Amino acid sequence: HLGLCEPGQGGWLAEQGHTALGGRRPVNPSGGLES
């Protein structure tokens, strides 16, 4: 929804490590609410 990836690619983005610390699109480096 934020346009960080194409629709349908959010899972792939995370699976490939792009949303992890050091990835090209870090998301929730705090660990997020689940953490």
Full PDB file with SEQRES, HELIX, SHEET, SSBOND, CRYST1, ORIGX, SCALE, CONECT and MASTER records, all heavy atoms in Angstrom:
SEQRES   1 A   35  HIS LEU GLY LEU CYS GLU PRO GLY GLN GLY GLY TRP LEU          
SEQRES   2 A   35  ALA GLU GLN GLY HIS THR ALA LEU GLY GLY ARG ARG PRO          
SEQRES   3 A   35  VAL ASN PRO SER GLY GLY LEU GLU SER                          
HELIX    1 AA1 GLY A   10  GLU A   15  1                                   6    
CRYST1    1.000    1.000    1.000  90.00  90.00  90.00 P 1           1          
ORIGX1      1.000000  0.000000  0.000000        0.00000                         
ORIGX2      0.000000  1.000000  0.000000        0.00000                         
ORIGX3      0.000000  0.000000  1.000000        0.00000                         
SCALE1      1.000000  0.000000  0.000000        0.00000                         
SCALE2      0.000000  1.000000  0.000000        0.00000                         
SCALE3      0.000000  0.000000  1.000000        0.00000                         
ATOM      1  N   HIS A   1       0.816  -1.217   0.000  1.00  0.00           N  
ATOM      2  CA  HIS A   1       0.000   0.000   0.000  1.00  0.00           C  
ATOM      3  C   HIS A   1       0.848   1.265   0.000  1.00  0.00           C  
ATOM      4  O   HIS A   1       0.456   2.275  -0.589  1.00  0.00           O  
ATOM      5  CB  HIS A   1      -0.946   0.022   1.199  1.00  0.00           C  
ATOM      6  CG  HIS A   1      -2.019  -1.023   1.117  1.00  0.00           C  
ATOM      7  ND1 HIS A   1      -2.907  -1.236   2.133  1.00  0.00           N  
ATOM      8  CD2 HIS A   1      -2.353  -1.911   0.159  1.00  0.00           C  
ATOM      9  CE1 HIS A   1      -3.739  -2.205   1.798  1.00  0.00           C  
ATOM     10  NE2 HIS A   1      -3.410  -2.635   0.601  1.00  0.00           N  
ATOM     11  N   LEU A   2       2.009   1.217   0.643  1.00  0.00           N  
ATOM     12  CA  LEU A   2       2.883   2.386   0.715  1.00  0.00           C  
ATOM     13  C   LEU A   2       3.709   2.573  -0.553  1.00  0.00           C  
ATOM     14  O   LEU A   2       4.414   3.567  -0.691  1.00  0.00           O  
ATOM     15  CB  LEU A   2       3.816   2.281   1.922  1.00  0.00           C  
ATOM     16  CG  LEU A   2       3.128   2.266   3.286  1.00  0.00           C  
ATOM     17  CD1 LEU A   2       4.137   1.995   4.388  1.00  0.00           C  
ATOM     18  CD2 LEU A   2       2.376   3.563   3.528  1.00  0.00           C  
ATOM     19  N   GLY A   3       3.635   1.618  -1.466  1.00  0.00           N  
ATOM     20  CA  GLY A   3       4.394   1.721  -2.705  1.00  0.00           C  
ATOM     21  C   GLY A   3       5.851   1.323  -2.555  1.00  0.00           C  
ATOM     22  O   GLY A   3       6.665   1.620  -3.429  1.00  0.00           O  
ATOM     23  N   LEU A   4       6.192   0.651  -1.452  1.00  0.00           N  
ATOM     24  CA  LEU A   4       7.560   0.182  -1.276  1.00  0.00           C  
ATOM     25  C   LEU A   4       7.859  -0.994  -2.199  1.00  0.00           C  
ATOM     26  O   LEU A   4       9.016  -1.349  -2.401  1.00  0.00           O  
ATOM     27  CB  LEU A   4       7.815  -0.199   0.186  1.00  0.00           C  
ATOM     28  CG  LEU A   4       7.591   0.915   1.209  1.00  0.00           C  
ATOM     29  CD1 LEU A   4       7.847   0.410   2.616  1.00  0.00           C  
ATOM     30  CD2 LEU A   4       8.456   2.129   0.890  1.00  0.00           C  
ATOM     31  N   CYS A   5       6.797  -1.589  -2.732  1.00  0.00           N  
ATOM     32  CA  CYS A   5       6.907  -2.661  -3.727  1.00  0.00           C  
ATOM     33  C   CYS A   5       5.596  -2.684  -4.512  1.00  0.00           C  
ATOM     34  O   CYS A   5       4.640  -1.999  -4.163  1.00  0.00           O  
ATOM     35  CB  CYS A   5       7.166  -4.008  -3.059  1.00  0.00           C  
ATOM     36  SG  CYS A   5       5.818  -4.570  -1.982  1.00  0.00           S  
ATOM     37  N   GLU A   6       5.573  -3.456  -5.558  1.00  0.00           N  
ATOM     38  CA  GLU A   6       4.366  -3.600  -6.371  1.00  0.00           C  
ATOM     39  C   GLU A   6       3.316  -4.415  -5.617  1.00  0.00           C  
ATOM     40  O   GLU A   6       3.672  -5.255  -4.773  1.00  0.00           O  
ATOM     41  CB  GLU A   6       4.696  -4.296  -7.694  1.00  0.00           C  
ATOM     42  CG  GLU A   6       5.601  -3.494  -8.603  1.00  0.00           C  
ATOM     43  CD  GLU A   6       4.975  -2.193  -9.054  1.00  0.00           C  
ATOM     44  OE1 GLU A   6       3.763  -2.175  -9.370  1.00  0.00           O  
ATOM     45  OE2 GLU A   6       5.697  -1.176  -9.072  1.00  0.00           O  
ATOM     46  N   PRO A   7       2.035  -4.209  -5.910  1.00  0.00           N  
ATOM     47  CA  PRO A   7       0.994  -5.034  -5.288  1.00  0.00           C  
ATOM     48  C   PRO A   7       1.288  -6.521  -5.515  1.00  0.00           C  
ATOM     49  O   PRO A   7       1.685  -6.934  -6.602  1.00  0.00           O  
ATOM     50  CB  PRO A   7      -0.286  -4.600  -6.009  1.00  0.00           C  
ATOM     51  CG  PRO A   7       0.003  -3.192  -6.448  1.00  0.00           C  
ATOM     52  CD  PRO A   7       1.470  -3.189  -6.810  1.00  0.00           C  
ATOM     53  N   GLY A   8       1.121  -7.292  -4.459  1.00  0.00           N  
ATOM     54  CA  GLY A   8       1.366  -8.724  -4.530  1.00  0.00           C  
ATOM     55  C   GLY A   8       2.811  -9.120  -4.262  1.00  0.00           C  
ATOM     56  O   GLY A   8       3.122 -10.305  -4.208  1.00  0.00           O  
ATOM     57  N   GLN A   9       3.701  -8.137  -4.061  1.00  0.00           N  
ATOM     58  CA  GLN A   9       5.124  -8.428  -3.865  1.00  0.00           C  
ATOM     59  C   GLN A   9       5.613  -8.206  -2.433  1.00  0.00           C  
ATOM     60  O   GLN A   9       6.801  -8.353  -2.165  1.00  0.00           O  
ATOM     61  CB  GLN A   9       5.958  -7.579  -4.825  1.00  0.00           C  
ATOM     62  CG  GLN A   9       5.714  -7.897  -6.284  1.00  0.00           C  
ATOM     63  CD  GLN A   9       6.080  -9.341  -6.592  1.00  0.00           C  
ATOM     64  OE1 GLN A   9       7.193  -9.776  -6.338  1.00  0.00           O  
ATOM     65  NE2 GLN A   9       5.116 -10.077  -7.123  1.00  0.00           N  
ATOM     66  N   GLY A  10       4.720  -7.873  -1.506  1.00  0.00           N  
ATOM     67  CA  GLY A  10       5.124  -7.616  -0.127  1.00  0.00           C  
ATOM     68  C   GLY A  10       5.763  -8.815   0.542  1.00  0.00           C  
ATOM     69  O   GLY A  10       6.772  -8.678   1.246  1.00  0.00           O  
ATOM     70  N   GLY A  11       5.209  -9.989   0.321  1.00  0.00           N  
ATOM     71  CA  GLY A  11       5.795 -11.208   0.892  1.00  0.00           C  
ATOM     72  C   GLY A  11       7.173 -11.473   0.322  1.00  0.00           C  
ATOM     73  O   GLY A  11       8.112 -11.808   1.058  1.00  0.00           O  
ATOM     74  N   TRP A  12       7.299 -11.327  -0.985  1.00  0.00           N  
ATOM     75  CA  TRP A  12       8.591 -11.528  -1.645  1.00  0.00           C  
ATOM     76  C   TRP A  12       9.615 -10.533  -1.110  1.00  0.00           C  
ATOM     77  O   TRP A  12      10.771 -10.887  -0.856  1.00  0.00           O  
ATOM     78  CB  TRP A  12       8.441 -11.367  -3.162  1.00  0.00           C  
ATOM     79  CG  TRP A  12       9.736 -11.462  -3.900  1.00  0.00           C  
ATOM     80  CD1 TRP A  12      10.330 -12.599  -4.365  1.00  0.00           C  
ATOM     81  CD2 TRP A  12      10.609 -10.376  -4.252  1.00  0.00           C  
ATOM     82  NE1 TRP A  12      11.523 -12.295  -4.978  1.00  0.00           N  
ATOM     83  CE2 TRP A  12      11.719 -10.929  -4.913  1.00  0.00           C  
ATOM     84  CE3 TRP A  12      10.557  -9.004  -4.057  1.00  0.00           C  
ATOM     85  CZ2 TRP A  12      12.767 -10.156  -5.396  1.00  0.00           C  
ATOM     86  CZ3 TRP A  12      11.607  -8.225  -4.521  1.00  0.00           C  
ATOM     87  CH2 TRP A  12      12.685  -8.803  -5.188  1.00  0.00           C  
ATOM     88  N   LEU A  13       9.206  -9.263  -0.927  1.00  0.00           N  
ATOM     89  CA  LEU A  13      10.105  -8.224  -0.433  1.00  0.00           C  
ATOM     90  C   LEU A  13      10.696  -8.636   0.920  1.00  0.00           C  
ATOM     91  O   LEU A  13      11.913  -8.532   1.129  1.00  0.00           O  
ATOM     92  CB  LEU A  13       9.343  -6.899  -0.310  1.00  0.00           C  
ATOM     93  CG  LEU A  13      10.153  -5.630  -0.104  1.00  0.00           C  
ATOM     94  CD1 LEU A  13      10.913  -5.262  -1.370  1.00  0.00           C  
ATOM     95  CD2 LEU A  13       9.227  -4.485   0.298  1.00  0.00           C  
ATOM     96  N   ALA A  14       9.842  -9.117   1.817  1.00  0.00           N  
ATOM     97  CA  ALA A  14      10.305  -9.559   3.137  1.00  0.00           C  
ATOM     98  C   ALA A  14      11.136 -10.824   3.030  1.00  0.00           C  
ATOM     99  O   ALA A  14      12.203 -10.929   3.639  1.00  0.00           O  
ATOM    100  CB  ALA A  14       9.106  -9.776   4.053  1.00  0.00           C  
ATOM    101  N   GLU A  15      10.669 -11.783   2.253  1.00  0.00           N  
ATOM    102  CA  GLU A  15      11.368 -13.065   2.115  1.00  0.00           C  
ATOM    103  C   GLU A  15      12.793 -12.880   1.585  1.00  0.00           C  
ATOM    104  O   GLU A  15      13.721 -13.582   1.999  1.00  0.00           O  
ATOM    105  CB  GLU A  15      10.578 -13.976   1.178  1.00  0.00           C  
ATOM    106  CG  GLU A  15      11.162 -15.354   1.012  1.00  0.00           C  
ATOM    107  CD  GLU A  15      10.314 -16.195   0.092  1.00  0.00           C  
ATOM    108  OE1 GLU A  15      10.112 -15.781  -1.072  1.00  0.00           O  
ATOM    109  OE2 GLU A  15       9.864 -17.259   0.543  1.00  0.00           O  
ATOM    110  N   GLN A  16      12.977 -11.933   0.701  1.00  0.00           N  
ATOM    111  CA  GLN A  16      14.294 -11.672   0.118  1.00  0.00           C  
ATOM    112  C   GLN A  16      15.196 -10.838   1.030  1.00  0.00           C  
ATOM    113  O   GLN A  16      16.338 -10.552   0.673  1.00  0.00           O  
ATOM    114  CB  GLN A  16      14.147 -10.978  -1.240  1.00  0.00           C  
ATOM    115  CG  GLN A  16      13.429 -11.798  -2.280  1.00  0.00           C  
ATOM    116  CD  GLN A  16      14.154 -13.113  -2.555  1.00  0.00           C  
ATOM    117  OE1 GLN A  16      15.342 -13.128  -2.834  1.00  0.00           O  
ATOM    118  NE2 GLN A  16      13.427 -14.212  -2.459  1.00  0.00           N  
ATOM    119  N   GLY A  17      14.680 -10.415   2.180  1.00  0.00           N  
ATOM    120  CA  GLY A  17      15.475  -9.650   3.135  1.00  0.00           C  
ATOM    121  C   GLY A  17      15.530  -8.161   2.865  1.00  0.00           C  
ATOM    122  O   GLY A  17      16.254  -7.425   3.540  1.00  0.00           O  
ATOM    123  N   HIS A  18      14.734  -7.688   1.913  1.00  0.00           N  
ATOM    124  CA  HIS A  18      14.768  -6.260   1.578  1.00  0.00           C  
ATOM    125  C   HIS A  18      14.202  -5.369   2.673  1.00  0.00           C  
ATOM    126  O   HIS A  18      14.550  -4.190   2.758  1.00  0.00           O  
ATOM    127  CB  HIS A  18      14.033  -6.004   0.256  1.00  0.00           C  
ATOM    128  CG  HIS A  18      14.673  -6.649  -0.916  1.00  0.00           C  
ATOM    129  ND1 HIS A  18      15.959  -6.360  -1.324  1.00  0.00           N  
ATOM    130  CD2 HIS A  18      14.216  -7.605  -1.760  1.00  0.00           C  
ATOM    131  CE1 HIS A  18      16.261  -7.090  -2.380  1.00  0.00           C  
ATOM    132  NE2 HIS A  18      15.224  -7.859  -2.665  1.00  0.00           N  
ATOM    133  N   THR A  19      13.322  -5.920   3.533  1.00  0.00           N  
ATOM    134  CA  THR A  19      12.742  -5.116   4.611  1.00  0.00           C  
ATOM    135  C   THR A  19      13.523  -5.256   5.912  1.00  0.00           C  
ATOM    136  O   THR A  19      13.209  -4.583   6.887  1.00  0.00           O  
ATOM    137  CB  THR A  19      11.269  -5.505   4.854  1.00  0.00           C  
ATOM    138  OG1 THR A  19      11.212  -6.888   5.231  1.00  0.00           O  
ATOM    139  CG2 THR A  19      10.417  -5.246   3.630  1.00  0.00           C  
ATOM    140  N   ALA A  20      14.539  -6.105   5.923  1.00  0.00           N  
ATOM    141  CA  ALA A  20      15.347  -6.321   7.121  1.00  0.00           C  
ATOM    142  C   ALA A  20      16.360  -5.197   7.296  1.00  0.00           C  
ATOM    143  O   ALA A  20      16.654  -4.447   6.358  1.00  0.00           O  
ATOM    144  CB  ALA A  20      16.078  -7.662   7.014  1.00  0.00           C  
ATOM    145  N   LEU A  21      16.902  -5.083   8.484  1.00  0.00           N  
ATOM    146  CA  LEU A  21      17.977  -4.144   8.739  1.00  0.00           C  
ATOM    147  C   LEU A  21      19.125  -4.479   7.790  1.00  0.00           C  
ATOM    148  O   LEU A  21      19.534  -5.632   7.684  1.00  0.00           O  
ATOM    149  CB  LEU A  21      18.435  -4.245  10.196  1.00  0.00           C  
ATOM    150  CG  LEU A  21      19.406  -3.182  10.685  1.00  0.00           C  
ATOM    151  CD1 LEU A  21      18.780  -1.793  10.571  1.00  0.00           C  
ATOM    152  CD2 LEU A  21      19.793  -3.460  12.122  1.00  0.00           C  
ATOM    153  N   GLY A  22      19.585  -3.489   7.051  1.00  0.00           N  
ATOM    154  CA  GLY A  22      20.608  -3.722   6.036  1.00  0.00           C  
ATOM    155  C   GLY A  22      20.042  -3.963   4.654  1.00  0.00           C  
ATOM    156  O   GLY A  22      20.762  -3.942   3.667  1.00  0.00           O  
ATOM    157  N   GLY A  23      18.716  -4.180   4.567  1.00  0.00           N  
ATOM    158  CA  GLY A  23      18.052  -4.368   3.278  1.00  0.00           C  
ATOM    159  C   GLY A  23      17.817  -3.025   2.598  1.00  0.00           C  
ATOM    160  O   GLY A  23      18.050  -1.966   3.176  1.00  0.00           O  
ATOM    161  N   ARG A  24      17.311  -3.081   1.387  1.00  0.00           N  
ATOM    162  CA  ARG A  24      17.119  -1.837   0.639  1.00  0.00           C  
ATOM    163  C   ARG A  24      15.881  -1.059   1.084  1.00  0.00           C  
ATOM    164  O   ARG A  24      15.746   0.123   0.771  1.00  0.00           O  
ATOM    165  CB  ARG A  24      17.082  -2.102  -0.866  1.00  0.00           C  
ATOM    166  CG  ARG A  24      15.921  -2.926  -1.364  1.00  0.00           C  
ATOM    167  CD  ARG A  24      16.004  -3.147  -2.890  1.00  0.00           C  
ATOM    168  NE  ARG A  24      14.928  -3.989  -3.355  1.00  0.00           N  
ATOM    169  CZ  ARG A  24      13.757  -3.539  -3.759  1.00  0.00           C  
ATOM    170  NH1 ARG A  24      13.505  -2.251  -3.770  1.00  0.00           N  
ATOM    171  NH2 ARG A  24      12.831  -4.384  -4.166  1.00  0.00           N  
ATOM    172  N   ARG A  25      14.963  -1.673   1.798  1.00  0.00           N  
ATOM    173  CA  ARG A  25      13.743  -1.032   2.291  1.00  0.00           C  
ATOM    174  C   ARG A  25      13.493  -1.427   3.745  1.00  0.00           C  
ATOM    175  O   ARG A  25      12.515  -2.105   4.045  1.00  0.00           O  
ATOM    176  CB  ARG A  25      12.534  -1.475   1.462  1.00  0.00           C  
ATOM    177  CG  ARG A  25      12.601  -1.127   0.013  1.00  0.00           C  
ATOM    178  CD  ARG A  25      11.920   0.173  -0.169  1.00  0.00           C  
ATOM    179  NE  ARG A  25      11.837   0.465  -1.589  1.00  0.00           N  
ATOM    180  CZ  ARG A  25      11.854   1.691  -2.035  1.00  0.00           C  
ATOM    181  NH1 ARG A  25      11.945   2.691  -1.205  1.00  0.00           N  
ATOM    182  NH2 ARG A  25      11.772   1.930  -3.313  1.00  0.00           N  
ATOM    183  N   PRO A  26      14.338  -1.037   4.698  1.00  0.00           N  
ATOM    184  CA  PRO A  26      14.136  -1.469   6.083  1.00  0.00           C  
ATOM    185  C   PRO A  26      12.763  -1.059   6.628  1.00  0.00           C  
ATOM    186  O   PRO A  26      12.381   0.105   6.538  1.00  0.00           O  
ATOM    187  CB  PRO A  26      15.257  -0.764   6.847  1.00  0.00           C  
ATOM    188  CG  PRO A  26      16.265  -0.391   5.819  1.00  0.00           C  
ATOM    189  CD  PRO A  26      15.515  -0.177   4.550  1.00  0.00           C  
ATOM    190  N   VAL A  27      12.047  -2.035   7.148  1.00  0.00           N  
ATOM    191  CA  VAL A  27      10.722  -1.815   7.716  1.00  0.00           C  
ATOM    192  C   VAL A  27      10.712  -2.393   9.131  1.00  0.00           C  
ATOM    193  O   VAL A  27      11.139  -3.525   9.343  1.00  0.00           O  
ATOM    194  CB  VAL A  27       9.627  -2.480   6.854  1.00  0.00           C  
ATOM    195  CG1 VAL A  27       8.260  -2.351   7.511  1.00  0.00           C  
ATOM    196  CG2 VAL A  27       9.616  -1.890   5.451  1.00  0.00           C  
ATOM    197  N   ASN A  28      10.236  -1.602  10.061  1.00  0.00           N  
ATOM    198  CA  ASN A  28      10.128  -2.000  11.462  1.00  0.00           C  
ATOM    199  C   ASN A  28      11.449  -2.481  12.055  1.00  0.00           C  
ATOM    200  O   ASN A  28      11.518  -3.569  12.637  1.00  0.00           O  
ATOM    201  CB  ASN A  28       9.032  -3.062  11.644  1.00  0.00           C  
ATOM    202  CG  ASN A  28       7.654  -2.509  11.433  1.00  0.00           C  
ATOM    203  OD1 ASN A  28       7.461  -1.296  11.341  1.00  0.00           O  
ATOM    204  ND2 ASN A  28       6.680  -3.381  11.348  1.00  0.00           N  
ATOM    205  N   PRO A  29      12.511  -1.676  11.967  1.00  0.00           N  
ATOM    206  CA  PRO A  29      13.755  -2.097  12.599  1.00  0.00           C  
ATOM    207  C   PRO A  29      13.612  -2.222  14.117  1.00  0.00           C  
ATOM    208  O   PRO A  29      14.409  -2.905  14.759  1.00  0.00           O  
ATOM    209  CB  PRO A  29      14.757  -1.003  12.216  1.00  0.00           C  
ATOM    210  CG  PRO A  29      13.944   0.177  11.853  1.00  0.00           C  
ATOM    211  CD  PRO A  29      12.650  -0.367  11.306  1.00  0.00           C  
ATOM    212  N   SER A  30      12.572  -1.615  14.674  1.00  0.00           N  
ATOM    213  CA  SER A  30      12.297  -1.727  16.108  1.00  0.00           C  
ATOM    214  C   SER A  30      11.817  -3.125  16.475  1.00  0.00           C  
ATOM    215  O   SER A  30      11.771  -3.468  17.646  1.00  0.00           O  
ATOM    216  CB  SER A  30      11.223  -0.723  16.510  1.00  0.00           C  
ATOM    217  OG  SER A  30       9.970  -1.097  15.946  1.00  0.00           O  
ATOM    218  N   GLY A  31      11.447  -3.904  15.491  1.00  0.00           N  
ATOM    219  CA  GLY A  31      10.848  -5.209  15.731  1.00  0.00           C  
ATOM    220  C   GLY A  31       9.348  -5.177  15.507  1.00  0.00           C  
ATOM    221  O   GLY A  31       8.690  -6.205  15.441  1.00  0.00           O  
ATOM    222  N   GLY A  32       8.788  -3.984  15.396  1.00  0.00           N  
ATOM    223  CA  GLY A  32       7.358  -3.858  15.151  1.00  0.00           C  
ATOM    224  C   GLY A  32       6.534  -4.238  16.361  1.00  0.00           C  
ATOM    225  O   GLY A  32       7.041  -4.584  17.425  1.00  0.00           O  
ATOM    226  N   LEU A  33       5.230  -4.179  16.186  1.00  0.00           N  
ATOM    227  CA  LEU A  33       4.300  -4.455  17.281  1.00  0.00           C  
ATOM    228  C   LEU A  33       4.348  -5.903  17.731  1.00  0.00           C  
ATOM    229  O   LEU A  33       4.161  -6.192  18.912  1.00  0.00           O  
ATOM    230  CB  LEU A  33       2.879  -4.087  16.858  1.00  0.00           C  
ATOM    231  CG  LEU A  33       2.666  -2.624  16.450  1.00  0.00           C  
ATOM    232  CD1 LEU A  33       1.238  -2.414  15.997  1.00  0.00           C  
ATOM    233  CD2 LEU A  33       3.040  -1.699  17.573  1.00  0.00           C  
ATOM    234  N   GLU A  34       4.600  -6.809  16.802  1.00  0.00           N  
ATOM    235  CA  GLU A  34       4.665  -8.222  17.198  1.00  0.00           C  
ATOM    236  C   GLU A  34       5.834  -8.493  18.125  1.00  0.00           C  
ATOM    237  O   GLU A  34       5.794  -9.406  18.930  1.00  0.00           O  
ATOM    238  CB  GLU A  34       4.753  -9.110  15.963  1.00  0.00           C  
ATOM    239  CG  GLU A  34       3.462  -9.143  15.189  1.00  0.00           C  
ATOM    240  CD  GLU A  34       3.511 -10.143  14.080  1.00  0.00           C  
ATOM    241  OE1 GLU A  34       3.271 -11.336  14.355  1.00  0.00           O  
ATOM    242  OE2 GLU A  34       3.820  -9.735  12.945  1.00  0.00           O  
ATOM    243  N   SER A  35       6.862  -7.686  18.032  1.00  0.00           N  
ATOM    244  CA  SER A  35       8.049  -7.847  18.864  1.00  0.00           C  
ATOM    245  C   SER A  35       7.885  -7.227  20.245  1.00  0.00           C  
ATOM    246  O   SER A  35       8.325  -7.790  21.234  1.00  0.00           O  
ATOM    247  CB  SER A  35       9.246  -7.208  18.158  1.00  0.00           C  
ATOM    248  OG  SER A  35      10.339  -7.081  19.017  1.00  0.00           O  
TER     249      SER A  35                                                      
MASTER        0    0    0    1    0    0    0    6  248    1    0    3          
END                                                                             
